[in-house]
Amino acid sequence: MATAPRIMDFDDPTFDPFRTIDQQQGFGEVDDPYPQIHALHRTGTVLKGDMRRAFGMQPFPFYADYPSWMVFGQEAVTRVFGDGATFSTSIKMHFYKDSFGDSIDGMDPPEHTRYRRLFQKAFLPQTIARWGEELVPRVVGNLIDAFAARGHAELVSEFTALYPFHVVYGQLHLPVEDCAVFHKLAVGMTCLGIDHAHALEASQKLGNYFSALLKARGSTPESSAPGAGDDLISLLAVAEVDGERLPEHITVSFLRQLMAAAGDTTYRGTGSLLAGLLTHPEQFEAVRRDRALVPPAIEEALRWEAPITFETRLAVRDAIVEGVAIPTGSMIDVVIGSANRDPARFENPDDFNIRRKPERHMAFAYGPHVCLGQHLARLEMARALNALLDRFPRLRLDPDKPAPQILGLGSRSPTALHVRFD
C-alpha cells in the first residue's frame, strides 16, 4: 500500500498566521466601521475611493494603482453583484494567483459557469445532509467535550475558530495528527496582502499535498485506499458533467480556497452569532426555548455582522450605477455591510434582532458568484448553536471577563467570547 502524503509545516514553525490575518483585516486599527460606513453612504451610493484608504489603512499593493470606487446600499450592491458581465471578479486573481491559484472565484462566465457545475457535483444535497448528520455533530461534540466539565470557556479559541476547519478536515478525510499544521497553512495562505513570502510558502505546500492526494484517491479503488470514496477529495477527483472532469490545477485551487471560504467565514459568522445572542440574553433565552428561532437567528447574525464587509470587482466596460458613471478598468469595493445595514431596507439596522422581518441579506453575495457553500455554512452554524444550547442551557457571558468585541474591517469577528455555564 502506498504511503499517504504528509503535510509540511512552515519552514519557520513559530510563524503565527492567525495574528497576521487579523492584522491584515484591520484588527487593532478598526473597531466598529459602521458609523463611518453610514456616513459615507449618506454622502452617496457610489463614491470615489476605496475602503481601506477610507479607514486610514494602506491599500493592498496589487490594488493600489487602480482608479477606485465604493458602492453602498442594498440596491447598488445588488446591481453590481448581479451583473457579472460588467463587474468582473477577475481582479481577485492579483490576490489568488500566488495563494489559491486558478480559483473559480476569479473567473467569469462561461469558464466560471462550467467549473461551478462540476464543483456542485461534490456538494449535492444528500452529501451535505450526510455531513450534517454525521460529521458536523461529531466535530462539534468532540470540541465541546474538551471544556464541558470546566464550567467556563473562551469560545473563540476553543470552539468557533476550530470547528469549521475541523469539519473541512473531516470532509477531506485527512490524518488527525496533521490537523494543526493544516490549519496554520490554510490561514497563512490568505495573508498575502501583508506577508507575501509566508502566503506563497503555504500555497506551495498545500498545493503539493492536495496534488498527491488527488492522484492517490482519483486512481485508487475505494476498497484499497484509506479515506477514498465518499470524501470530498475523491468526489472532486471523479466529478463529471457531460463527459468533462475537473483539471487537477483547478481542483487544487478549489481545495486551497475551501479552507478560507468554508473555514474562516463560518468561524467568524458563528462567533458573531454567539456574540449577538449572549449580549442579548432575552433573545438567547427565546432561541433556547424555541429552536424554530435558530434559522432566523443565524440569518440575523449574518445580516448584522457579515463575516466579509466588502468584496472587490473590476468594471470591464463603462457602466452607470445609481446615476454615476464608472469607467472601464475601475476597481469597485462593493460594501456588503452597507447593504445589510441599509436603513432604507432594515428598521434600526444596527440592532441585533432575531424577530426582524425576513429580508434578503448579502452575506453570501449575490448573482453568478453567490457562495457555493452557503447551505453547508448555515447547517454548520445551526448544529453548533443547537449543540451549545443542548449542553449548556445556562450559557452566559462571564461577568469577570471583558465583554465580547467584534473587530475588523475586511473581515469581522469577536476576538474572544468568555462564558460560564453549569
Protein backbone atom coordinates (compact mmCIF):
# COMPACT_ATOMS: atom_id res chain seq x y z
CA MET A 1 0.00 0.00 0.00
CA ALA A 2 1.35 3.42 -0.94
CA THR A 3 2.41 5.72 1.86
CA ALA A 4 -0.06 8.58 2.38
CA PRO A 5 1.41 12.03 1.70
CA ARG A 6 2.18 14.17 4.74
CA ILE A 7 1.75 17.89 5.05
CA MET A 8 4.77 20.10 5.76
CA ASP A 9 4.78 22.91 8.34
CA PHE A 10 6.20 26.37 7.64
CA ASP A 11 9.98 26.41 7.42
CA ASP A 12 9.73 28.70 10.43
CA PRO A 13 7.26 26.79 12.62
CA THR A 14 6.98 29.76 15.02
CA PHE A 15 5.25 31.92 12.37
CA ASP A 16 1.77 32.88 13.64
CA PRO A 17 -0.65 33.20 10.68
CA PHE A 18 -3.65 33.78 12.94
CA ARG A 19 -2.26 37.04 14.30
CA THR A 20 -1.13 38.04 10.81
CA ILE A 21 -4.52 37.56 9.14
CA ASP A 22 -6.28 39.57 11.85
CA GLN A 23 -3.75 42.37 11.31
CA GLN A 24 -4.44 42.25 7.57
CA GLN A 25 -8.18 42.52 8.17
CA GLY A 26 -7.87 45.64 10.31
CA PHE A 27 -7.89 44.24 13.85
CA GLY A 28 -6.26 46.83 16.07
CA GLU A 29 -6.98 49.59 13.53
CA VAL A 30 -10.74 49.39 13.02
CA ASP A 31 -13.09 48.53 15.86
CA ASP A 32 -16.55 49.41 14.54
CA PRO A 33 -16.62 50.53 10.87
CA TYR A 34 -20.38 51.04 10.73
CA PRO A 35 -20.60 54.69 11.84
CA GLN A 36 -18.17 55.59 9.05
CA ILE A 37 -19.93 53.29 6.57
CA HIS A 38 -23.23 55.03 7.35
CA ALA A 39 -21.60 58.46 7.00
CA LEU A 40 -20.14 57.53 3.61
CA HIS A 41 -23.47 56.09 2.46
CA ARG A 42 -25.27 59.30 3.42
CA THR A 43 -22.87 61.15 1.12
CA GLY A 44 -23.81 58.96 -1.84
CA THR A 45 -24.38 55.41 -3.01
CA VAL A 46 -21.38 55.50 -5.39
CA LEU A 47 -18.26 57.33 -4.22
CA LYS A 48 -14.70 57.65 -5.48
CA GLY A 49 -12.08 55.93 -3.34
CA ASP A 50 -11.59 52.54 -1.71
CA MET A 51 -12.50 51.15 1.67
CA ARG A 52 -9.04 50.63 3.09
CA ARG A 53 -7.98 54.21 2.35
CA ALA A 54 -11.35 55.47 3.67
CA PHE A 55 -10.38 53.97 7.04
CA GLY A 56 -6.80 55.20 7.03
CA MET A 57 -5.29 51.86 6.01
CA GLN A 58 -2.83 51.20 3.20
CA PRO A 59 -4.33 49.53 0.13
CA PHE A 60 -3.01 46.13 -0.80
CA PRO A 61 -0.10 46.70 -3.22
CA PHE A 62 -1.70 44.76 -6.08
CA TYR A 63 -4.76 47.07 -6.00
CA ALA A 64 -3.03 50.39 -5.25
CA ASP A 65 -2.85 51.75 -8.80
CA TYR A 66 -6.45 51.14 -9.88
CA PRO A 67 -8.93 54.02 -10.09
CA SER A 68 -11.32 53.01 -7.34
CA TRP A 69 -14.94 53.39 -6.31
CA MET A 70 -17.11 52.34 -3.40
CA VAL A 71 -20.72 51.18 -3.75
CA PHE A 72 -23.16 51.42 -0.84
CA GLY A 73 -26.72 50.34 -0.11
CA GLN A 74 -28.91 47.39 -0.99
CA GLU A 75 -29.92 48.50 -4.49
CA ALA A 76 -26.46 49.46 -5.71
CA VAL A 77 -24.80 46.39 -4.21
CA THR A 78 -27.44 44.15 -5.80
CA ARG A 79 -26.86 45.87 -9.14
CA VAL A 80 -23.11 45.28 -9.11
CA PHE A 81 -23.22 41.72 -7.79
CA GLY A 82 -25.97 40.78 -10.21
CA ASP A 83 -24.16 42.00 -13.34
CA GLY A 84 -21.19 39.67 -13.63
CA ALA A 85 -20.71 40.57 -17.29
CA THR A 86 -19.88 44.17 -16.38
CA PHE A 87 -18.40 43.79 -12.91
CA SER A 88 -15.83 41.03 -13.03
CA THR A 89 -14.20 39.07 -10.22
CA SER A 90 -11.06 38.69 -12.36
CA ILE A 91 -9.39 41.46 -10.34
CA LYS A 92 -9.14 38.96 -7.47
CA MET A 93 -6.57 37.00 -9.47
CA HIS A 94 -3.99 39.57 -8.30
CA PHE A 95 -4.53 38.03 -4.89
CA TYR A 96 -5.33 34.47 -5.89
CA LYS A 97 -2.51 33.75 -8.34
CA ASP A 98 0.06 33.42 -5.53
CA SER A 99 -2.33 31.94 -2.96
CA PHE A 100 -5.27 29.85 -4.16
CA GLY A 101 -4.16 29.66 -7.81
CA ASP A 102 -6.67 29.37 -10.67
CA SER A 103 -9.74 29.90 -8.49
CA ILE A 104 -13.23 29.86 -9.98
CA ASP A 105 -13.95 32.87 -7.76
CA GLY A 106 -11.65 34.89 -10.02
CA MET A 107 -13.21 33.60 -13.26
CA ASP A 108 -16.07 34.99 -15.30
CA PRO A 109 -18.68 33.08 -17.31
CA PRO A 110 -18.60 30.90 -19.32
CA GLU A 111 -15.45 29.48 -17.70
CA HIS A 112 -16.77 30.08 -14.20
CA THR A 113 -20.14 28.50 -15.03
CA ARG A 114 -18.55 25.37 -16.50
CA TYR A 115 -16.34 24.69 -13.50
CA ARG A 116 -19.00 25.63 -10.96
CA ARG A 117 -21.29 22.93 -12.39
CA LEU A 118 -18.55 20.38 -11.81
CA PHE A 119 -17.86 21.51 -8.24
CA GLN A 120 -21.56 21.35 -7.45
CA LYS A 121 -21.44 17.61 -8.13
CA ALA A 122 -19.47 17.25 -4.89
CA PHE A 123 -21.98 19.38 -2.93
CA LEU A 124 -25.20 17.54 -3.72
CA PRO A 125 -27.99 17.86 -1.11
CA GLN A 126 -27.62 14.25 0.01
CA THR A 127 -23.88 14.76 0.56
CA ILE A 128 -24.41 17.91 2.62
CA ALA A 129 -27.16 16.17 4.60
CA ARG A 130 -24.83 13.29 5.44
CA TRP A 131 -22.14 15.70 6.63
CA GLY A 132 -24.77 17.46 8.72
CA GLU A 133 -26.00 14.24 10.33
CA GLU A 134 -22.64 12.59 10.94
CA LEU A 135 -19.52 14.72 10.56
CA VAL A 136 -20.58 18.12 11.92
CA PRO A 137 -22.16 16.79 15.17
CA ARG A 138 -19.11 14.62 15.80
CA VAL A 139 -16.69 17.53 15.36
CA VAL A 140 -18.81 19.91 17.43
CA GLY A 141 -19.35 17.34 20.17
CA ASN A 142 -15.66 16.49 20.49
CA LEU A 143 -14.68 20.15 20.86
CA ILE A 144 -17.38 20.81 23.47
CA ASP A 145 -16.33 17.71 25.41
CA ALA A 146 -12.89 19.25 25.89
CA PHE A 147 -14.25 22.07 28.11
CA ALA A 148 -17.69 20.87 29.22
CA ALA A 149 -16.62 19.81 32.72
CA ARG A 150 -14.79 23.05 33.45
CA GLY A 151 -17.75 25.40 33.92
CA HIS A 152 -16.18 28.14 31.82
CA ALA A 153 -14.61 28.53 28.37
CA GLU A 154 -13.35 31.00 25.83
CA LEU A 155 -15.49 30.04 22.86
CA VAL A 156 -13.45 31.68 20.08
CA SER A 157 -10.13 29.92 20.68
CA GLU A 158 -11.73 26.71 21.98
CA PHE A 159 -14.69 26.37 19.64
CA THR A 160 -15.70 28.80 16.88
CA ALA A 161 -12.19 29.21 15.42
CA LEU A 162 -11.76 25.44 15.30
CA TYR A 163 -14.92 23.61 14.38
CA PRO A 164 -15.38 24.79 10.73
CA PHE A 165 -11.77 23.90 9.90
CA HIS A 166 -12.16 20.52 11.60
CA VAL A 167 -15.31 19.92 9.52
CA VAL A 168 -13.43 20.66 6.30
CA TYR A 169 -10.63 18.45 7.53
CA GLY A 170 -13.14 15.67 8.11
CA GLN A 171 -14.68 16.18 4.67
CA LEU A 172 -11.23 15.61 3.19
CA HIS A 173 -10.56 12.52 5.38
CA LEU A 174 -7.13 13.73 6.44
CA PRO A 175 -4.96 12.35 9.27
CA VAL A 176 -5.85 13.73 12.68
CA GLU A 177 -2.20 14.31 13.53
CA ASP A 178 -1.83 16.77 10.62
CA CYS A 179 -4.79 18.97 11.61
CA ALA A 180 -2.90 21.75 13.45
CA VAL A 181 -0.33 22.22 10.66
CA PHE A 182 -3.05 22.07 8.01
CA HIS A 183 -4.98 24.83 9.83
CA LYS A 184 -1.85 27.02 10.07
CA LEU A 185 -1.09 26.70 6.35
CA ALA A 186 -4.70 27.32 5.35
CA VAL A 187 -4.79 30.59 7.30
CA GLY A 188 -1.24 31.58 6.32
CA MET A 189 -2.11 31.26 2.65
CA THR A 190 -4.64 34.10 2.99
CA CYS A 191 -2.09 36.55 4.47
CA LEU A 192 -0.88 37.59 1.01
CA GLY A 193 -1.84 41.25 1.46
CA ILE A 194 0.85 41.88 4.08
CA ASP A 195 3.07 38.77 4.12
CA HIS A 196 3.66 37.53 0.59
CA ALA A 197 6.51 35.16 1.46
CA HIS A 198 4.63 33.08 4.04
CA ALA A 199 1.45 33.06 1.94
CA LEU A 200 3.38 31.75 -1.06
CA GLU A 201 5.08 29.09 1.07
CA ALA A 202 1.72 27.92 2.43
CA SER A 203 0.19 27.84 -1.04
CA GLN A 204 3.01 25.72 -2.44
CA LYS A 205 2.94 23.24 0.45
CA LEU A 206 -0.83 22.84 0.34
CA GLY A 207 -0.72 22.55 -3.46
CA ASN A 208 1.84 19.75 -3.33
CA TYR A 209 -0.17 17.98 -0.65
CA PHE A 210 -3.51 18.20 -2.48
CA SER A 211 -1.96 17.14 -5.81
CA ALA A 212 -0.59 13.99 -4.19
CA LEU A 213 -3.95 13.22 -2.57
CA LEU A 214 -5.86 13.73 -5.82
CA LYS A 215 -3.56 11.34 -7.64
CA ALA A 216 -3.90 8.74 -4.90
CA ARG A 217 -7.65 8.95 -4.47
CA GLY A 218 -8.62 9.56 -8.07
CA SER A 219 -6.86 6.47 -9.37
CA THR A 220 -7.17 4.01 -6.47
CA PRO A 221 -10.28 1.89 -5.89
CA GLU A 222 -12.14 2.78 -2.70
CA SER A 223 -11.65 -0.71 -1.29
CA SER A 224 -7.86 -0.36 -1.23
CA ALA A 225 -7.35 3.32 -0.39
CA PRO A 226 -7.96 4.60 3.15
CA GLY A 227 -10.32 7.57 3.09
CA ALA A 228 -11.09 7.25 -0.61
CA GLY A 229 -14.62 7.12 -1.98
CA ASP A 230 -17.02 9.46 -0.22
CA ASP A 231 -14.53 12.11 0.94
CA LEU A 232 -14.52 15.47 -0.78
CA ILE A 233 -11.17 14.93 -2.50
CA SER A 234 -12.36 11.67 -4.05
CA LEU A 235 -15.68 13.25 -5.08
CA LEU A 236 -13.85 16.09 -6.81
CA ALA A 237 -11.36 13.71 -8.42
CA VAL A 238 -14.17 11.85 -10.22
CA ALA A 239 -16.76 14.67 -10.62
CA GLU A 240 -18.04 14.69 -14.19
CA VAL A 241 -20.59 16.69 -16.21
CA ASP A 242 -21.24 15.85 -19.88
CA GLY A 243 -18.05 13.80 -20.03
CA GLU A 244 -15.86 16.60 -18.64
CA ARG A 245 -13.80 16.31 -15.47
CA LEU A 246 -12.05 18.97 -13.42
CA PRO A 247 -8.43 19.68 -14.34
CA GLU A 248 -6.08 18.98 -11.45
CA HIS A 249 -4.84 22.57 -11.11
CA ILE A 250 -8.42 23.87 -10.86
CA THR A 251 -9.29 21.28 -8.22
CA VAL A 252 -6.16 22.06 -6.19
CA SER A 253 -7.05 25.76 -6.28
CA PHE A 254 -10.58 25.00 -5.11
CA LEU A 255 -9.30 22.89 -2.23
CA ARG A 256 -6.94 25.66 -1.17
CA GLN A 257 -9.74 28.22 -1.22
CA LEU A 258 -12.16 25.90 0.55
CA MET A 259 -10.27 26.47 3.77
CA ALA A 260 -10.80 30.23 3.60
CA ALA A 261 -14.33 30.14 2.21
CA ALA A 262 -15.69 27.30 4.34
CA GLY A 263 -13.42 27.62 7.37
CA ASP A 264 -12.68 31.26 8.04
CA THR A 265 -16.04 32.82 7.17
CA THR A 266 -18.07 30.19 9.07
CA TYR A 267 -15.89 30.66 12.13
CA ARG A 268 -16.38 34.42 12.02
CA GLY A 269 -20.11 34.12 11.38
CA THR A 270 -20.60 31.71 14.28
CA GLY A 271 -18.62 33.94 16.63
CA SER A 272 -20.77 36.95 15.75
CA LEU A 273 -23.94 34.88 16.13
CA LEU A 274 -22.94 33.89 19.65
CA ALA A 275 -21.85 37.44 20.48
CA GLY A 276 -25.22 38.76 19.34
CA LEU A 277 -27.18 36.24 21.38
CA LEU A 278 -25.04 36.38 24.51
CA THR A 279 -25.15 40.18 24.65
CA HIS A 280 -28.95 39.99 24.28
CA PRO A 281 -29.85 37.39 26.95
CA GLU A 282 -33.57 37.66 26.30
CA GLN A 283 -33.01 36.66 22.67
CA PHE A 284 -30.67 33.86 23.73
CA GLU A 285 -33.36 32.51 26.07
CA ALA A 286 -36.02 32.75 23.34
CA VAL A 287 -33.86 30.66 20.99
CA ARG A 288 -33.06 28.15 23.74
CA ARG A 289 -36.76 27.62 24.42
CA ASP A 290 -37.89 27.64 20.78
CA ARG A 291 -35.42 26.08 18.36
CA ALA A 292 -37.54 27.23 15.43
CA LEU A 293 -35.81 30.57 16.08
CA VAL A 294 -32.36 29.13 15.28
CA PRO A 295 -32.61 29.77 11.49
CA PRO A 296 -33.81 33.39 11.86
CA ALA A 297 -31.11 33.98 14.49
CA ILE A 298 -28.47 32.78 12.02
CA GLU A 299 -29.84 34.98 9.22
CA GLU A 300 -29.94 37.99 11.52
CA ALA A 301 -26.36 37.41 12.64
CA LEU A 302 -25.20 37.15 9.02
CA ARG A 303 -27.01 40.39 8.21
CA TRP A 304 -25.90 42.23 11.34
CA GLU A 305 -22.23 41.23 11.18
CA ALA A 306 -21.43 39.72 7.80
CA PRO A 307 -18.08 37.89 8.05
CA ILE A 308 -16.86 39.82 4.99
CA THR A 309 -17.63 43.54 4.97
CA PHE A 310 -16.85 44.26 1.33
CA GLU A 311 -15.99 42.45 -1.91
CA THR A 312 -13.98 43.75 -4.85
CA ARG A 313 -14.97 43.82 -8.51
CA LEU A 314 -13.47 45.21 -11.76
CA ALA A 315 -15.51 47.19 -14.30
CA VAL A 316 -14.69 45.56 -17.65
CA ARG A 317 -16.81 48.06 -19.57
CA ASP A 318 -18.22 51.51 -18.93
CA ALA A 319 -21.22 51.41 -16.59
CA ILE A 320 -23.72 53.63 -14.85
CA VAL A 321 -24.60 52.79 -11.25
CA GLU A 322 -27.15 54.93 -9.42
CA GLY A 323 -26.55 57.68 -11.97
CA VAL A 324 -22.77 57.67 -11.56
CA ALA A 325 -20.51 56.81 -14.49
CA ILE A 326 -17.88 54.18 -13.69
CA PRO A 327 -15.27 53.85 -16.44
CA THR A 328 -13.75 50.64 -17.73
CA GLY A 329 -10.78 49.47 -15.64
CA SER A 330 -12.11 50.77 -12.32
CA MET A 331 -11.89 48.79 -9.10
CA ILE A 332 -15.12 48.71 -7.11
CA ASP A 333 -15.39 47.94 -3.40
CA VAL A 334 -18.91 46.52 -3.05
CA VAL A 335 -19.79 47.24 0.57
CA ILE A 336 -21.80 44.27 1.79
CA GLY A 337 -22.01 45.79 5.27
CA SER A 338 -23.84 48.84 3.93
CA ALA A 339 -26.36 46.69 2.06
CA ASN A 340 -27.01 44.59 5.16
CA ARG A 341 -27.47 47.69 7.31
CA ASP A 342 -29.24 49.86 4.77
CA PRO A 343 -31.78 51.97 6.71
CA ALA A 344 -33.95 52.09 3.59
CA ARG A 345 -34.34 48.32 3.84
CA PHE A 346 -33.95 47.49 7.53
CA GLU A 347 -35.52 49.26 10.51
CA ASN A 348 -32.93 50.11 13.18
CA PRO A 349 -30.29 48.32 11.07
CA ASP A 350 -27.53 48.44 13.68
CA ASP A 351 -29.63 46.49 16.20
CA PHE A 352 -29.38 42.71 16.56
CA ASN A 353 -32.97 41.47 16.44
CA ILE A 354 -33.79 37.83 15.67
CA ARG A 355 -37.50 38.68 15.30
CA ARG A 356 -36.82 41.10 12.48
CA LYS A 357 -38.99 40.76 9.35
CA PRO A 358 -37.03 38.48 6.97
CA GLU A 359 -35.29 40.34 4.15
CA ARG A 360 -32.57 39.15 1.82
CA HIS A 361 -29.08 39.94 3.04
CA MET A 362 -25.80 39.93 1.14
CA ALA A 363 -23.56 37.93 3.48
CA PHE A 364 -23.19 35.25 0.80
CA ALA A 365 -23.03 37.83 -2.03
CA TYR A 366 -25.48 37.57 -4.93
CA GLY A 367 -25.58 36.77 -8.61
CA PRO A 368 -23.24 34.42 -10.52
CA HIS A 369 -20.72 34.29 -7.67
CA VAL A 370 -23.18 33.65 -4.83
CA CYS A 371 -21.47 31.44 -2.26
CA LEU A 372 -21.37 27.79 -3.34
CA GLY A 373 -21.21 26.58 0.27
CA GLN A 374 -23.90 28.77 1.82
CA HIS A 375 -26.21 25.85 2.66
CA LEU A 376 -23.41 23.96 4.37
CA ALA A 377 -22.41 27.11 6.30
CA ARG A 378 -25.96 27.55 7.59
CA LEU A 379 -26.13 23.89 8.54
CA GLU A 380 -22.84 24.07 10.45
CA MET A 381 -23.88 27.21 12.31
CA ALA A 382 -27.22 25.62 13.26
CA ARG A 383 -25.57 22.43 14.50
CA ALA A 384 -23.03 24.40 16.52
CA LEU A 385 -25.63 26.65 18.16
CA ASN A 386 -28.03 23.79 18.93
CA ALA A 387 -25.23 21.74 20.48
CA LEU A 388 -24.25 24.60 22.81
CA LEU A 389 -27.89 25.18 23.76
CA ASP A 390 -28.40 21.47 24.44
CA ARG A 391 -25.27 21.07 26.54
CA PHE A 392 -25.34 24.40 28.39
CA PRO A 393 -28.89 25.72 28.99
CA ARG A 394 -27.47 28.41 31.29
CA LEU A 395 -24.69 29.53 28.96
CA ARG A 396 -23.92 33.18 29.69
CA LEU A 397 -21.16 35.75 29.46
CA ASP A 398 -18.54 35.59 32.20
CA PRO A 399 -19.08 38.75 34.30
CA ASP A 400 -15.44 38.66 35.44
CA LYS A 401 -14.06 38.84 31.88
CA PRO A 402 -14.18 41.57 29.20
CA ALA A 403 -17.38 41.76 27.16
CA PRO A 404 -17.07 40.47 23.57
CA GLN A 405 -15.88 42.92 20.92
CA ILE A 406 -16.44 42.34 17.21
CA LEU A 407 -13.50 43.94 15.40
CA GLY A 408 -12.01 44.38 11.94
CA LEU A 409 -12.71 45.98 8.59
CA GLY A 410 -12.35 43.50 5.73
CA SER A 411 -13.41 40.57 7.92
CA ARG A 412 -15.11 40.87 11.28
CA SER A 413 -15.50 38.61 14.28
CA PRO A 414 -15.24 38.70 18.07
CA THR A 415 -11.73 38.33 19.44
CA ALA A 416 -12.95 36.41 22.49
CA LEU A 417 -16.17 35.03 23.99
CA HIS A 418 -15.65 34.34 27.69
CA VAL A 419 -18.58 32.30 29.02
CA ARG A 420 -19.76 30.43 32.09
CA PHE A 421 -22.18 27.53 32.25
CA ASP A 422 -23.47 24.93 34.71
